């Protein structure tokens, strides 16, 4: 274990010294997770906030070609702006006739231009559709789909329900 610096807990806040922030590569928007290992010992990890939105936006610029969607996915009209499975599947499918429209909606959500949310179920359904050759002509590799799901789930610009 490397001891970099000491800090003080004051008024429910912990201030990280500059050298620690620099060593960790922290940027504005990063989320810090603190895991209590045992009494007096904690582990700090970083879930990048703004970087995940950027990665998801980059992937929309060159989405994989999944071929046609072989069945219509459920389409319920949400009361709030809920990004459903259809939006994700079509946004990340180059050959979808709805790719541009779905991509536009997702890009607006990732940029924080619209108030949008995702549910765990939508992420699970998206993974199930894009990795299944019975649902799309050219499925994503499991690792690629899992990475994309994590990127979308960790993105702070889209709320989670």
N, C-alpha and C. Protein backbone atom coordinates (compact mmCIF):
# COMPACT_ATOMS: atom_id res chain seq x y z
N UNK A 1 0.85 -1.17 0.00
CA UNK A 1 0.00 0.00 0.00
C UNK A 1 0.89 1.24 0.00
N UNK A 2 0.56 2.21 -0.84
CA UNK A 2 1.32 3.44 -0.93
C UNK A 2 0.59 4.53 -0.17
N UNK A 3 1.29 5.18 0.73
CA UNK A 3 0.71 6.27 1.50
C UNK A 3 1.07 7.57 0.80
N UNK A 4 0.09 8.23 0.19
CA UNK A 4 0.36 9.45 -0.57
C UNK A 4 0.22 10.71 0.27
N UNK A 5 -0.85 10.80 1.03
CA UNK A 5 -1.11 12.02 1.77
C UNK A 5 -2.13 11.75 2.86
N UNK A 6 -2.29 12.72 3.73
CA UNK A 6 -3.31 12.64 4.77
C UNK A 6 -4.32 13.75 4.53
N UNK A 7 -5.52 13.54 5.01
CA UNK A 7 -6.57 14.54 4.89
C UNK A 7 -7.42 14.49 6.14
N UNK A 8 -8.36 15.41 6.23
CA UNK A 8 -9.20 15.52 7.42
C UNK A 8 -10.66 15.39 7.05
N UNK A 9 -11.40 14.71 7.90
CA UNK A 9 -12.85 14.62 7.78
C UNK A 9 -13.41 15.81 8.54
N UNK A 10 -14.20 16.67 7.86
CA UNK A 10 -14.71 17.87 8.49
C UNK A 10 -16.10 18.18 7.96
N UNK A 11 -17.07 18.32 8.86
CA UNK A 11 -18.45 18.65 8.50
C UNK A 11 -18.98 17.75 7.39
N UNK A 12 -18.89 16.45 7.60
CA UNK A 12 -19.40 15.43 6.68
C UNK A 12 -18.72 15.45 5.30
N UNK A 13 -17.53 15.97 5.23
CA UNK A 13 -16.81 16.01 3.95
C UNK A 13 -15.38 15.54 4.14
N UNK A 14 -14.87 14.90 3.09
CA UNK A 14 -13.46 14.52 3.05
C UNK A 14 -12.86 15.25 1.86
N UNK A 15 -11.83 15.99 2.11
CA UNK A 15 -11.17 16.73 1.04
C UNK A 15 -9.91 15.98 0.62
N UNK A 16 -9.83 15.68 -0.68
CA UNK A 16 -8.67 14.97 -1.19
C UNK A 16 -7.57 15.98 -1.57
N UNK A 17 -6.37 15.74 -1.12
CA UNK A 17 -5.27 16.62 -1.50
C UNK A 17 -5.02 16.59 -3.01
N UNK A 18 -4.51 17.68 -3.54
CA UNK A 18 -4.27 17.81 -4.98
C UNK A 18 -3.42 16.66 -5.52
N UNK A 19 -2.39 16.28 -4.80
CA UNK A 19 -1.51 15.20 -5.31
C UNK A 19 -2.25 13.87 -5.44
N UNK A 20 -3.23 13.63 -4.57
CA UNK A 20 -4.04 12.41 -4.67
C UNK A 20 -4.96 12.50 -5.88
N UNK A 21 -5.62 13.65 -6.06
CA UNK A 21 -6.50 13.86 -7.22
C UNK A 21 -5.72 13.64 -8.52
N UNK A 22 -4.52 14.20 -8.58
CA UNK A 22 -3.71 14.07 -9.80
C UNK A 22 -3.27 12.62 -10.02
N UNK A 23 -2.85 11.96 -8.95
CA UNK A 23 -2.40 10.57 -9.06
C UNK A 23 -3.53 9.65 -9.52
N UNK A 24 -4.77 9.93 -9.05
CA UNK A 24 -5.93 9.13 -9.44
C UNK A 24 -6.47 9.53 -10.81
N UNK A 25 -6.08 10.70 -11.30
CA UNK A 25 -6.59 11.17 -12.58
C UNK A 25 -8.03 11.60 -12.51
N UNK A 26 -8.46 12.15 -11.37
CA UNK A 26 -9.85 12.56 -11.19
C UNK A 26 -10.16 13.78 -12.04
N UNK A 27 -11.36 13.78 -12.63
CA UNK A 27 -11.85 14.94 -13.36
C UNK A 27 -13.25 15.27 -12.83
N UNK A 28 -13.69 16.50 -13.07
CA UNK A 28 -15.03 16.89 -12.65
C UNK A 28 -16.05 15.92 -13.24
N UNK A 29 -17.00 15.50 -12.44
CA UNK A 29 -18.03 14.56 -12.89
C UNK A 29 -17.73 13.12 -12.50
N UNK A 30 -16.49 12.82 -12.09
CA UNK A 30 -16.18 11.45 -11.67
C UNK A 30 -16.91 11.14 -10.35
N UNK A 31 -17.38 9.93 -10.24
CA UNK A 31 -18.06 9.48 -9.04
C UNK A 31 -17.11 8.58 -8.27
N UNK A 32 -16.98 8.84 -6.99
CA UNK A 32 -16.11 8.03 -6.14
C UNK A 32 -16.96 7.04 -5.36
N UNK A 33 -16.57 5.78 -5.40
CA UNK A 33 -17.23 4.74 -4.62
C UNK A 33 -16.31 4.41 -3.46
N UNK A 34 -16.89 4.36 -2.26
CA UNK A 34 -16.11 4.03 -1.07
C UNK A 34 -16.65 2.74 -0.49
N UNK A 35 -15.79 1.74 -0.42
CA UNK A 35 -16.16 0.45 0.13
C UNK A 35 -15.46 0.30 1.48
N UNK A 36 -16.23 0.07 2.53
CA UNK A 36 -15.65 -0.15 3.85
C UNK A 36 -15.21 -1.61 3.91
N UNK A 37 -13.91 -1.82 3.98
CA UNK A 37 -13.35 -3.17 4.01
C UNK A 37 -13.46 -3.76 5.41
N UNK A 38 -13.10 -2.97 6.38
CA UNK A 38 -13.23 -3.31 7.80
C UNK A 38 -13.16 -2.02 8.58
N UNK A 39 -13.40 -2.06 9.85
CA UNK A 39 -13.39 -0.84 10.65
C UNK A 39 -12.04 -0.14 10.50
N UNK A 40 -12.10 1.11 10.07
CA UNK A 40 -10.88 1.90 9.90
C UNK A 40 -10.20 1.73 8.56
N UNK A 41 -10.72 0.85 7.70
CA UNK A 41 -10.10 0.62 6.38
C UNK A 41 -11.16 0.73 5.30
N UNK A 42 -10.88 1.55 4.30
CA UNK A 42 -11.81 1.73 3.19
C UNK A 42 -11.06 1.65 1.87
N UNK A 43 -11.78 1.25 0.83
CA UNK A 43 -11.21 1.18 -0.52
C UNK A 43 -11.96 2.18 -1.38
N UNK A 44 -11.21 3.01 -2.10
CA UNK A 44 -11.77 4.04 -2.96
C UNK A 44 -11.62 3.61 -4.41
N UNK A 45 -12.71 3.70 -5.18
CA UNK A 45 -12.62 3.42 -6.61
C UNK A 45 -13.37 4.52 -7.36
N UNK A 46 -13.08 4.66 -8.63
CA UNK A 46 -13.62 5.74 -9.42
C UNK A 46 -14.50 5.20 -10.53
N UNK A 47 -15.72 5.73 -10.63
CA UNK A 47 -16.60 5.44 -11.76
C UNK A 47 -16.68 6.74 -12.54
N UNK A 48 -16.08 6.77 -13.71
CA UNK A 48 -16.02 8.00 -14.48
C UNK A 48 -17.42 8.42 -14.91
N UNK A 49 -17.76 9.66 -14.68
CA UNK A 49 -19.07 10.19 -15.04
C UNK A 49 -19.10 10.72 -16.45
N UNK A 50 -18.41 11.82 -16.70
CA UNK A 50 -18.49 12.45 -18.01
C UNK A 50 -17.79 11.61 -19.07
N UNK A 51 -16.83 10.80 -18.71
CA UNK A 51 -16.13 9.98 -19.70
C UNK A 51 -17.03 8.90 -20.28
N UNK A 52 -17.96 8.38 -19.47
CA UNK A 52 -18.83 7.32 -19.99
C UNK A 52 -19.80 7.86 -21.03
N UNK A 53 -20.31 9.07 -20.82
CA UNK A 53 -21.20 9.67 -21.82
C UNK A 53 -20.44 9.87 -23.12
N UNK A 54 -19.21 10.31 -23.03
CA UNK A 54 -18.40 10.53 -24.24
C UNK A 54 -18.20 9.21 -24.99
N UNK A 55 -17.92 8.13 -24.26
CA UNK A 55 -17.73 6.82 -24.90
C UNK A 55 -19.01 6.37 -25.60
N UNK A 56 -20.15 6.55 -24.94
CA UNK A 56 -21.42 6.14 -25.54
C UNK A 56 -21.72 6.97 -26.78
N UNK A 57 -21.40 8.27 -26.74
CA UNK A 57 -21.59 9.13 -27.91
C UNK A 57 -20.69 8.70 -29.06
N UNK A 58 -19.44 8.36 -28.75
CA UNK A 58 -18.50 7.91 -29.79
C UNK A 58 -19.01 6.65 -30.46
N UNK A 59 -19.57 5.73 -29.68
CA UNK A 59 -20.07 4.48 -30.26
C UNK A 59 -21.27 4.71 -31.16
N UNK A 60 -22.03 5.78 -30.92
CA UNK A 60 -23.17 6.10 -31.79
C UNK A 60 -22.70 6.61 -33.15
N UNK A 61 -21.49 7.17 -33.22
CA UNK A 61 -20.97 7.67 -34.49
C UNK A 61 -20.64 6.53 -35.45
N UNK A 62 -20.34 5.36 -34.91
CA UNK A 62 -20.04 4.20 -35.75
C UNK A 62 -20.63 2.95 -35.10
N UNK A 63 -21.97 2.83 -35.12
CA UNK A 63 -22.60 1.69 -34.46
C UNK A 63 -22.37 0.40 -35.24
N UNK A 64 -22.45 -0.75 -34.57
CA UNK A 64 -22.30 -2.02 -35.27
C UNK A 64 -23.49 -2.26 -36.19
N UNK A 65 -23.29 -3.10 -37.18
CA UNK A 65 -24.36 -3.46 -38.10
C UNK A 65 -24.96 -4.78 -37.62
N UNK A 66 -26.14 -4.71 -37.02
CA UNK A 66 -26.81 -5.90 -36.48
C UNK A 66 -27.75 -6.52 -37.51
N UNK A 67 -27.88 -5.89 -38.66
CA UNK A 67 -28.85 -6.38 -39.63
C UNK A 67 -30.24 -5.97 -39.20
N UNK A 68 -31.24 -6.59 -39.78
CA UNK A 68 -32.60 -6.20 -39.44
C UNK A 68 -33.01 -6.81 -38.09
N UNK A 69 -33.89 -6.11 -37.40
CA UNK A 69 -34.48 -6.62 -36.17
C UNK A 69 -35.60 -7.54 -36.61
N UNK A 70 -35.56 -8.78 -36.19
CA UNK A 70 -36.45 -9.81 -36.72
C UNK A 70 -37.85 -9.80 -36.14
N UNK A 71 -38.03 -9.12 -35.06
CA UNK A 71 -39.37 -9.04 -34.50
C UNK A 71 -39.55 -7.66 -33.90
N UNK A 72 -40.75 -7.24 -33.83
CA UNK A 72 -41.03 -5.93 -33.25
C UNK A 72 -40.90 -6.03 -31.73
N UNK A 73 -40.15 -5.11 -31.17
CA UNK A 73 -40.00 -5.06 -29.73
C UNK A 73 -41.19 -4.31 -29.15
N UNK A 74 -41.49 -4.55 -27.88
CA UNK A 74 -42.65 -3.89 -27.26
C UNK A 74 -42.49 -2.38 -27.34
N UNK A 75 -43.60 -1.69 -27.55
CA UNK A 75 -43.58 -0.23 -27.68
C UNK A 75 -44.68 0.36 -26.81
N UNK A 76 -44.33 0.76 -25.63
CA UNK A 76 -45.29 1.43 -24.77
C UNK A 76 -44.97 2.92 -24.76
N UNK A 77 -45.98 3.75 -24.74
CA UNK A 77 -45.79 5.19 -24.69
C UNK A 77 -45.50 5.60 -23.25
N UNK A 78 -44.29 6.06 -22.96
CA UNK A 78 -43.96 6.44 -21.59
C UNK A 78 -44.54 7.80 -21.22
N UNK A 79 -44.88 7.95 -19.94
CA UNK A 79 -45.35 9.22 -19.43
C UNK A 79 -44.17 10.18 -19.35
N UNK A 80 -43.04 9.69 -18.88
CA UNK A 80 -41.80 10.46 -18.84
C UNK A 80 -40.92 9.97 -19.98
N UNK A 81 -39.79 10.61 -20.17
CA UNK A 81 -38.89 10.20 -21.23
C UNK A 81 -38.06 9.01 -20.71
N UNK A 82 -38.53 7.84 -21.04
CA UNK A 82 -37.84 6.61 -20.69
C UNK A 82 -37.21 6.06 -21.97
N UNK A 83 -35.91 5.89 -21.94
CA UNK A 83 -35.24 5.29 -23.09
C UNK A 83 -35.53 3.80 -23.06
N UNK A 84 -36.35 3.34 -23.98
CA UNK A 84 -36.70 1.93 -23.96
C UNK A 84 -35.75 1.13 -24.85
N UNK A 85 -35.94 -0.17 -24.85
CA UNK A 85 -35.07 -1.09 -25.58
C UNK A 85 -35.02 -0.74 -27.06
N UNK A 86 -36.15 -0.35 -27.64
CA UNK A 86 -36.18 0.01 -29.06
C UNK A 86 -35.20 1.12 -29.39
N UNK A 87 -35.16 2.15 -28.57
CA UNK A 87 -34.26 3.29 -28.83
C UNK A 87 -32.82 2.80 -28.84
N UNK A 88 -32.43 2.02 -27.84
CA UNK A 88 -31.04 1.55 -27.75
C UNK A 88 -30.70 0.62 -28.91
N UNK A 89 -31.58 -0.34 -29.20
CA UNK A 89 -31.31 -1.31 -30.27
C UNK A 89 -31.16 -0.60 -31.61
N UNK A 90 -32.07 0.30 -31.92
CA UNK A 90 -32.01 0.98 -33.21
C UNK A 90 -30.87 2.00 -33.27
N UNK A 91 -30.58 2.68 -32.16
CA UNK A 91 -29.50 3.67 -32.13
C UNK A 91 -28.15 3.01 -32.39
N UNK A 92 -27.96 1.82 -31.85
CA UNK A 92 -26.68 1.13 -31.99
C UNK A 92 -26.70 0.08 -33.10
N UNK A 93 -27.52 0.29 -34.12
CA UNK A 93 -27.60 -0.64 -35.25
C UNK A 93 -27.54 0.15 -36.55
N UNK A 94 -26.40 0.11 -37.18
CA UNK A 94 -26.15 0.88 -38.40
C UNK A 94 -27.18 0.61 -39.50
N UNK A 95 -27.67 -0.60 -39.63
CA UNK A 95 -28.57 -0.93 -40.73
C UNK A 95 -30.05 -0.71 -40.40
N UNK A 96 -30.35 -0.24 -39.22
CA UNK A 96 -31.75 0.01 -38.85
C UNK A 96 -32.27 1.24 -39.60
N UNK A 97 -33.48 1.13 -40.16
CA UNK A 97 -34.06 2.32 -40.80
C UNK A 97 -34.38 3.42 -39.79
N UNK A 98 -34.41 3.08 -38.50
CA UNK A 98 -34.69 4.04 -37.43
C UNK A 98 -33.43 4.51 -36.71
N UNK A 99 -32.26 4.15 -37.23
CA UNK A 99 -31.01 4.44 -36.53
C UNK A 99 -30.81 5.94 -36.30
N UNK A 100 -31.01 6.76 -37.30
CA UNK A 100 -30.76 8.20 -37.16
C UNK A 100 -31.69 8.83 -36.13
N UNK A 101 -32.95 8.47 -36.19
CA UNK A 101 -33.92 9.05 -35.25
C UNK A 101 -33.64 8.58 -33.82
N UNK A 102 -33.39 7.28 -33.65
CA UNK A 102 -33.09 6.75 -32.31
C UNK A 102 -31.77 7.31 -31.79
N UNK A 103 -30.79 7.41 -32.68
CA UNK A 103 -29.48 7.95 -32.29
C UNK A 103 -29.61 9.41 -31.86
N UNK A 104 -30.43 10.17 -32.55
CA UNK A 104 -30.63 11.58 -32.19
C UNK A 104 -31.20 11.71 -30.78
N UNK A 105 -32.19 10.88 -30.46
CA UNK A 105 -32.79 10.91 -29.12
C UNK A 105 -31.75 10.54 -28.06
N UNK A 106 -30.99 9.47 -28.33
CA UNK A 106 -29.99 9.02 -27.36
C UNK A 106 -28.87 10.05 -27.20
N UNK A 107 -28.45 10.66 -28.29
CA UNK A 107 -27.41 11.70 -28.20
C UNK A 107 -27.89 12.88 -27.35
N UNK A 108 -29.16 13.28 -27.53
CA UNK A 108 -29.71 14.36 -26.72
C UNK A 108 -29.70 13.99 -25.24
N UNK A 109 -30.03 12.74 -24.94
CA UNK A 109 -30.02 12.28 -23.54
C UNK A 109 -28.60 12.26 -22.99
N UNK A 110 -27.65 11.78 -23.77
CA UNK A 110 -26.26 11.68 -23.31
C UNK A 110 -25.61 13.05 -23.13
N UNK A 111 -26.10 14.03 -23.86
CA UNK A 111 -25.60 15.40 -23.71
C UNK A 111 -26.34 16.17 -22.63
N UNK A 112 -27.37 15.56 -22.05
CA UNK A 112 -28.16 16.21 -21.02
C UNK A 112 -29.14 17.23 -21.58
N UNK A 113 -29.42 17.17 -22.88
CA UNK A 113 -30.34 18.11 -23.52
C UNK A 113 -31.80 17.75 -23.27
N UNK A 114 -32.07 16.49 -22.97
CA UNK A 114 -33.42 16.07 -22.60
C UNK A 114 -33.32 15.30 -21.29
N UNK A 115 -34.38 15.33 -20.52
CA UNK A 115 -34.42 14.64 -19.23
C UNK A 115 -34.86 13.20 -19.49
N UNK A 116 -33.91 12.29 -19.46
CA UNK A 116 -34.20 10.90 -19.81
C UNK A 116 -33.75 9.97 -18.69
N UNK A 117 -34.33 8.78 -18.69
CA UNK A 117 -33.92 7.77 -17.70
C UNK A 117 -33.89 6.39 -18.36
N UNK A 118 -33.17 5.50 -17.71
CA UNK A 118 -33.04 4.10 -18.11
C UNK A 118 -33.39 3.22 -16.93
N UNK A 119 -33.88 2.04 -17.20
CA UNK A 119 -34.10 1.06 -16.15
C UNK A 119 -33.15 -0.12 -16.37
N UNK A 120 -32.90 -0.86 -15.33
CA UNK A 120 -32.07 -2.06 -15.45
C UNK A 120 -32.70 -3.03 -16.44
N UNK A 121 -34.02 -3.13 -16.44
CA UNK A 121 -34.70 -4.04 -17.35
C UNK A 121 -34.40 -3.69 -18.81
N UNK A 122 -34.39 -2.40 -19.14
CA UNK A 122 -34.09 -1.97 -20.51
C UNK A 122 -32.67 -2.38 -20.89
N UNK A 123 -31.74 -2.19 -19.96
CA UNK A 123 -30.34 -2.59 -20.23
C UNK A 123 -30.26 -4.09 -20.46
N UNK A 124 -30.95 -4.89 -19.63
CA UNK A 124 -30.95 -6.34 -19.79
C UNK A 124 -31.56 -6.75 -21.13
N UNK A 125 -32.69 -6.12 -21.47
CA UNK A 125 -33.35 -6.44 -22.75
C UNK A 125 -32.46 -6.07 -23.93
N UNK A 126 -31.83 -4.90 -23.86
CA UNK A 126 -30.92 -4.47 -24.92
C UNK A 126 -29.82 -5.50 -25.12
N UNK A 127 -29.21 -5.94 -24.03
CA UNK A 127 -28.15 -6.95 -24.10
C UNK A 127 -28.69 -8.24 -24.73
N UNK A 128 -29.86 -8.66 -24.30
CA UNK A 128 -30.46 -9.90 -24.81
C UNK A 128 -30.75 -9.82 -26.30
N UNK A 129 -31.21 -8.66 -26.77
CA UNK A 129 -31.55 -8.52 -28.19
C UNK A 129 -30.28 -8.47 -29.05
N UNK A 130 -29.33 -7.60 -28.69
CA UNK A 130 -28.19 -7.36 -29.58
C UNK A 130 -27.18 -8.51 -29.59
N UNK A 131 -27.30 -9.45 -28.67
CA UNK A 131 -26.37 -10.59 -28.65
C UNK A 131 -27.03 -11.88 -29.15
N UNK A 132 -28.27 -11.80 -29.61
CA UNK A 132 -29.04 -13.00 -29.96
C UNK A 132 -29.26 -13.07 -31.48
N UNK A 133 -28.71 -14.08 -32.12
CA UNK A 133 -28.85 -14.24 -33.57
C UNK A 133 -30.29 -14.55 -33.99
N UNK A 134 -31.14 -14.90 -33.04
CA UNK A 134 -32.56 -15.10 -33.34
C UNK A 134 -33.29 -13.76 -33.42
N UNK A 135 -32.68 -12.69 -32.88
CA UNK A 135 -33.33 -11.38 -32.83
C UNK A 135 -32.72 -10.37 -33.81
N UNK A 136 -31.43 -10.51 -34.13
CA UNK A 136 -30.77 -9.63 -35.10
C UNK A 136 -29.89 -10.49 -36.01
N UNK A 137 -29.67 -10.01 -37.23
CA UNK A 137 -28.88 -10.78 -38.20
C UNK A 137 -27.42 -10.95 -37.78
N UNK A 138 -26.83 -9.89 -37.26
CA UNK A 138 -25.40 -9.90 -36.93
C UNK A 138 -25.21 -9.47 -35.48
N UNK A 139 -25.33 -10.38 -34.53
CA UNK A 139 -25.26 -10.00 -33.12
C UNK A 139 -23.90 -9.46 -32.70
N UNK A 140 -23.91 -8.65 -31.66
CA UNK A 140 -22.67 -8.13 -31.05
C UNK A 140 -21.98 -9.25 -30.28
N UNK A 141 -20.68 -9.13 -30.13
CA UNK A 141 -19.95 -10.02 -29.24
C UNK A 141 -20.38 -9.72 -27.81
N UNK A 142 -20.40 -10.75 -26.98
CA UNK A 142 -20.86 -10.58 -25.60
C UNK A 142 -20.08 -9.49 -24.86
N UNK A 143 -18.76 -9.47 -25.02
CA UNK A 143 -17.93 -8.49 -24.32
C UNK A 143 -18.25 -7.07 -24.77
N UNK A 144 -18.44 -6.89 -26.09
CA UNK A 144 -18.75 -5.58 -26.63
C UNK A 144 -20.11 -5.09 -26.11
N UNK A 145 -21.09 -5.96 -26.10
CA UNK A 145 -22.42 -5.60 -25.61
C UNK A 145 -22.37 -5.30 -24.11
N UNK A 146 -21.64 -6.10 -23.36
CA UNK A 146 -21.53 -5.87 -21.91
C UNK A 146 -20.85 -4.53 -21.63
N UNK A 147 -19.79 -4.22 -22.37
CA UNK A 147 -19.12 -2.93 -22.20
C UNK A 147 -20.07 -1.77 -22.49
N UNK A 148 -20.82 -1.88 -23.56
CA UNK A 148 -21.75 -0.82 -23.92
C UNK A 148 -22.84 -0.66 -22.86
N UNK A 149 -23.33 -1.77 -22.33
CA UNK A 149 -24.34 -1.72 -21.26
C UNK A 149 -23.79 -1.01 -20.03
N UNK A 150 -22.55 -1.31 -19.66
CA UNK A 150 -21.93 -0.66 -18.50
C UNK A 150 -21.73 0.82 -18.74
N UNK A 151 -21.29 1.17 -19.94
CA UNK A 151 -21.11 2.58 -20.28
C UNK A 151 -22.42 3.34 -20.12
N UNK A 152 -23.49 2.79 -20.67
CA UNK A 152 -24.80 3.45 -20.59
C UNK A 152 -25.29 3.53 -19.14
N UNK A 153 -25.08 2.45 -18.38
CA UNK A 153 -25.56 2.43 -16.99
C UNK A 153 -24.79 3.42 -16.11
N UNK A 154 -23.49 3.59 -16.36
CA UNK A 154 -22.67 4.48 -15.54
C UNK A 154 -22.78 5.94 -15.94
N UNK A 155 -23.37 6.23 -17.09
CA UNK A 155 -23.50 7.59 -17.58
C UNK A 155 -24.36 8.42 -16.64
N UNK A 156 -23.82 9.51 -16.12
CA UNK A 156 -24.56 10.34 -15.15
C UNK A 156 -25.62 11.20 -15.81
N UNK A 157 -25.51 11.46 -17.09
CA UNK A 157 -26.45 12.34 -17.76
C UNK A 157 -27.84 11.69 -17.93
N UNK A 158 -27.90 10.38 -17.84
CA UNK A 158 -29.17 9.67 -17.94
C UNK A 158 -29.51 9.10 -16.56
N UNK A 159 -30.69 9.47 -16.06
CA UNK A 159 -31.11 8.98 -14.74
C UNK A 159 -31.42 7.48 -14.79
N UNK A 160 -31.30 6.84 -13.65
CA UNK A 160 -31.60 5.40 -13.55
C UNK A 160 -32.80 5.21 -12.63
N UNK A 161 -33.68 4.31 -13.00
CA UNK A 161 -34.87 4.00 -12.20
C UNK A 161 -34.82 2.55 -11.78
